[in-house]
Amino acid sequence: MLSWAILFFVLALIAAVFGFGGIASAFAGIAQILFILFLILFVIALVVRLVRGGAPRV
């Protein structure tokens, strides 16, 4: 999911360079939403990991 956020951020930068302001802001908004969703899921995964208290599996 972080890769999708990075992809939309890069697309927003490219669109901004070429002067497509509306498209750039849309891509930037999508990138922000995906990044926040990634952070929320990451924190949930950390909390679950701490509650379970297991060693990492390789």
N, C-alpha and C. Protein backbone atom coordinates (compact mmCIF):
# COMPACT_ATOMS: atom_id res chain seq x y z
N MET A 1 0.83 -1.19 0.00
CA MET A 1 0.00 0.00 0.00
C MET A 1 0.88 1.25 0.00
N LEU A 2 2.02 1.16 0.67
CA LEU A 2 2.93 2.30 0.65
C LEU A 2 3.43 2.54 -0.76
N SER A 3 3.61 1.48 -1.52
CA SER A 3 4.08 1.66 -2.90
C SER A 3 3.04 2.39 -3.74
N TRP A 4 1.76 2.15 -3.48
CA TRP A 4 0.70 2.87 -4.21
C TRP A 4 0.73 4.35 -3.85
N ALA A 5 0.94 4.66 -2.57
CA ALA A 5 1.01 6.06 -2.15
C ALA A 5 2.19 6.75 -2.81
N ILE A 6 3.32 6.07 -2.86
CA ILE A 6 4.50 6.64 -3.51
C ILE A 6 4.26 6.84 -5.00
N LEU A 7 3.60 5.86 -5.63
CA LEU A 7 3.29 5.97 -7.06
C LEU A 7 2.42 7.19 -7.34
N PHE A 8 1.35 7.38 -6.56
CA PHE A 8 0.47 8.53 -6.78
C PHE A 8 1.19 9.84 -6.48
N PHE A 9 2.10 9.83 -5.52
CA PHE A 9 2.88 11.03 -5.23
C PHE A 9 3.78 11.39 -6.40
N VAL A 10 4.43 10.39 -6.97
CA VAL A 10 5.30 10.64 -8.14
C VAL A 10 4.47 11.12 -9.32
N LEU A 11 3.31 10.51 -9.54
CA LEU A 11 2.44 10.97 -10.62
C LEU A 11 1.98 12.40 -10.39
N ALA A 12 1.72 12.76 -9.14
CA ALA A 12 1.33 14.14 -8.83
C ALA A 12 2.47 15.10 -9.14
N LEU A 13 3.69 14.70 -8.81
CA LEU A 13 4.84 15.56 -9.12
C LEU A 13 5.02 15.73 -10.62
N ILE A 14 4.87 14.65 -11.36
CA ILE A 14 5.02 14.72 -12.81
C ILE A 14 3.93 15.60 -13.42
N ALA A 15 2.69 15.43 -12.94
CA ALA A 15 1.59 16.25 -13.45
C ALA A 15 1.80 17.72 -13.11
N ALA A 16 2.35 17.98 -11.92
CA ALA A 16 2.60 19.38 -11.53
C ALA A 16 3.68 20.01 -12.40
N VAL A 17 4.69 19.23 -12.75
CA VAL A 17 5.77 19.76 -13.61
C VAL A 17 5.22 20.15 -14.98
N PHE A 18 4.30 19.35 -15.50
CA PHE A 18 3.75 19.63 -16.81
C PHE A 18 2.58 20.62 -16.78
N GLY A 19 2.21 21.08 -15.59
CA GLY A 19 1.21 22.13 -15.48
C GLY A 19 -0.22 21.67 -15.37
N PHE A 20 -0.45 20.42 -15.09
CA PHE A 20 -1.81 19.92 -14.91
C PHE A 20 -2.18 20.01 -13.43
N GLY A 21 -2.61 21.19 -13.00
CA GLY A 21 -2.86 21.45 -11.59
C GLY A 21 -3.97 20.61 -10.99
N GLY A 22 -5.07 20.45 -11.73
CA GLY A 22 -6.19 19.68 -11.20
C GLY A 22 -5.85 18.21 -11.03
N ILE A 23 -5.17 17.66 -12.02
CA ILE A 23 -4.77 16.25 -11.94
C ILE A 23 -3.74 16.05 -10.85
N ALA A 24 -2.81 16.99 -10.72
CA ALA A 24 -1.77 16.89 -9.70
C ALA A 24 -2.38 16.92 -8.30
N SER A 25 -3.35 17.79 -8.09
CA SER A 25 -3.97 17.86 -6.76
C SER A 25 -4.79 16.60 -6.47
N ALA A 26 -5.40 16.02 -7.50
CA ALA A 26 -6.14 14.78 -7.30
C ALA A 26 -5.20 13.64 -6.92
N PHE A 27 -4.09 13.52 -7.65
CA PHE A 27 -3.10 12.49 -7.33
C PHE A 27 -2.52 12.69 -5.93
N ALA A 28 -2.25 13.94 -5.58
CA ALA A 28 -1.70 14.22 -4.26
C ALA A 28 -2.70 13.86 -3.16
N GLY A 29 -3.97 14.13 -3.40
CA GLY A 29 -5.00 13.76 -2.42
C GLY A 29 -5.10 12.25 -2.24
N ILE A 30 -5.04 11.52 -3.34
CA ILE A 30 -5.09 10.06 -3.26
C ILE A 30 -3.86 9.54 -2.53
N ALA A 31 -2.69 10.11 -2.81
CA ALA A 31 -1.46 9.68 -2.15
C ALA A 31 -1.54 9.93 -0.64
N GLN A 32 -2.11 11.05 -0.23
CA GLN A 32 -2.25 11.35 1.19
C GLN A 32 -3.18 10.35 1.87
N ILE A 33 -4.30 10.05 1.25
CA ILE A 33 -5.25 9.11 1.82
C ILE A 33 -4.62 7.73 1.96
N LEU A 34 -3.92 7.26 0.93
CA LEU A 34 -3.29 5.95 0.98
C LEU A 34 -2.18 5.91 2.02
N PHE A 35 -1.43 6.99 2.17
CA PHE A 35 -0.36 7.02 3.16
C PHE A 35 -0.93 6.98 4.57
N ILE A 36 -1.99 7.72 4.83
CA ILE A 36 -2.62 7.70 6.15
C ILE A 36 -3.19 6.32 6.44
N LEU A 37 -3.81 5.71 5.46
CA LEU A 37 -4.34 4.35 5.63
C LEU A 37 -3.21 3.37 5.92
N PHE A 38 -2.07 3.51 5.22
CA PHE A 38 -0.91 2.67 5.49
C PHE A 38 -0.43 2.84 6.91
N LEU A 39 -0.34 4.08 7.38
CA LEU A 39 0.13 4.33 8.74
C LEU A 39 -0.82 3.72 9.78
N ILE A 40 -2.12 3.85 9.56
CA ILE A 40 -3.10 3.27 10.49
C ILE A 40 -2.96 1.76 10.54
N LEU A 41 -2.87 1.11 9.40
CA LEU A 41 -2.72 -0.34 9.36
C LEU A 41 -1.39 -0.78 9.97
N PHE A 42 -0.34 0.01 9.78
CA PHE A 42 0.95 -0.31 10.37
C PHE A 42 0.89 -0.25 11.89
N VAL A 43 0.26 0.77 12.43
CA VAL A 43 0.14 0.89 13.89
C VAL A 43 -0.72 -0.25 14.45
N ILE A 44 -1.79 -0.59 13.77
CA ILE A 44 -2.62 -1.71 14.21
C ILE A 44 -1.81 -3.00 14.22
N ALA A 45 -1.01 -3.22 13.18
CA ALA A 45 -0.18 -4.42 13.12
C ALA A 45 0.84 -4.44 14.26
N LEU A 46 1.41 -3.29 14.59
CA LEU A 46 2.36 -3.23 15.70
C LEU A 46 1.69 -3.55 17.03
N VAL A 47 0.50 -3.01 17.24
CA VAL A 47 -0.22 -3.26 18.49
C VAL A 47 -0.58 -4.73 18.61
N VAL A 48 -1.06 -5.31 17.54
CA VAL A 48 -1.41 -6.74 17.55
C VAL A 48 -0.16 -7.57 17.83
N ARG A 49 0.95 -7.17 17.24
CA ARG A 49 2.21 -7.90 17.46
C ARG A 49 2.64 -7.83 18.91
N LEU A 50 2.50 -6.64 19.53
CA LEU A 50 2.88 -6.49 20.92
C LEU A 50 1.96 -7.26 21.85
N VAL A 51 0.67 -7.29 21.53
CA VAL A 51 -0.29 -8.01 22.38
C VAL A 51 -0.05 -9.51 22.31
N ARG A 52 0.22 -10.02 21.13
CA ARG A 52 0.47 -11.45 20.98
C ARG A 52 1.81 -11.85 21.60
N GLY A 53 2.81 -11.00 21.45
CA GLY A 53 4.10 -11.22 22.10
C GLY A 53 4.88 -12.40 21.57
N GLY A 54 4.90 -12.61 20.30
CA GLY A 54 5.64 -13.73 19.74
C GLY A 54 6.93 -13.29 19.09
N ALA A 55 7.80 -14.24 18.89
CA ALA A 55 9.05 -13.96 18.19
C ALA A 55 8.76 -13.88 16.69
N PRO A 56 9.50 -13.05 15.98
CA PRO A 56 9.26 -12.95 14.53
C PRO A 56 9.58 -14.25 13.82
N ARG A 57 8.73 -14.62 12.89
CA ARG A 57 8.93 -15.84 12.10
C ARG A 57 9.67 -15.49 10.83
N VAL A 58 10.62 -16.32 10.50
CA VAL A 58 11.41 -16.06 9.30
C VAL A 58 11.06 -17.06 8.24
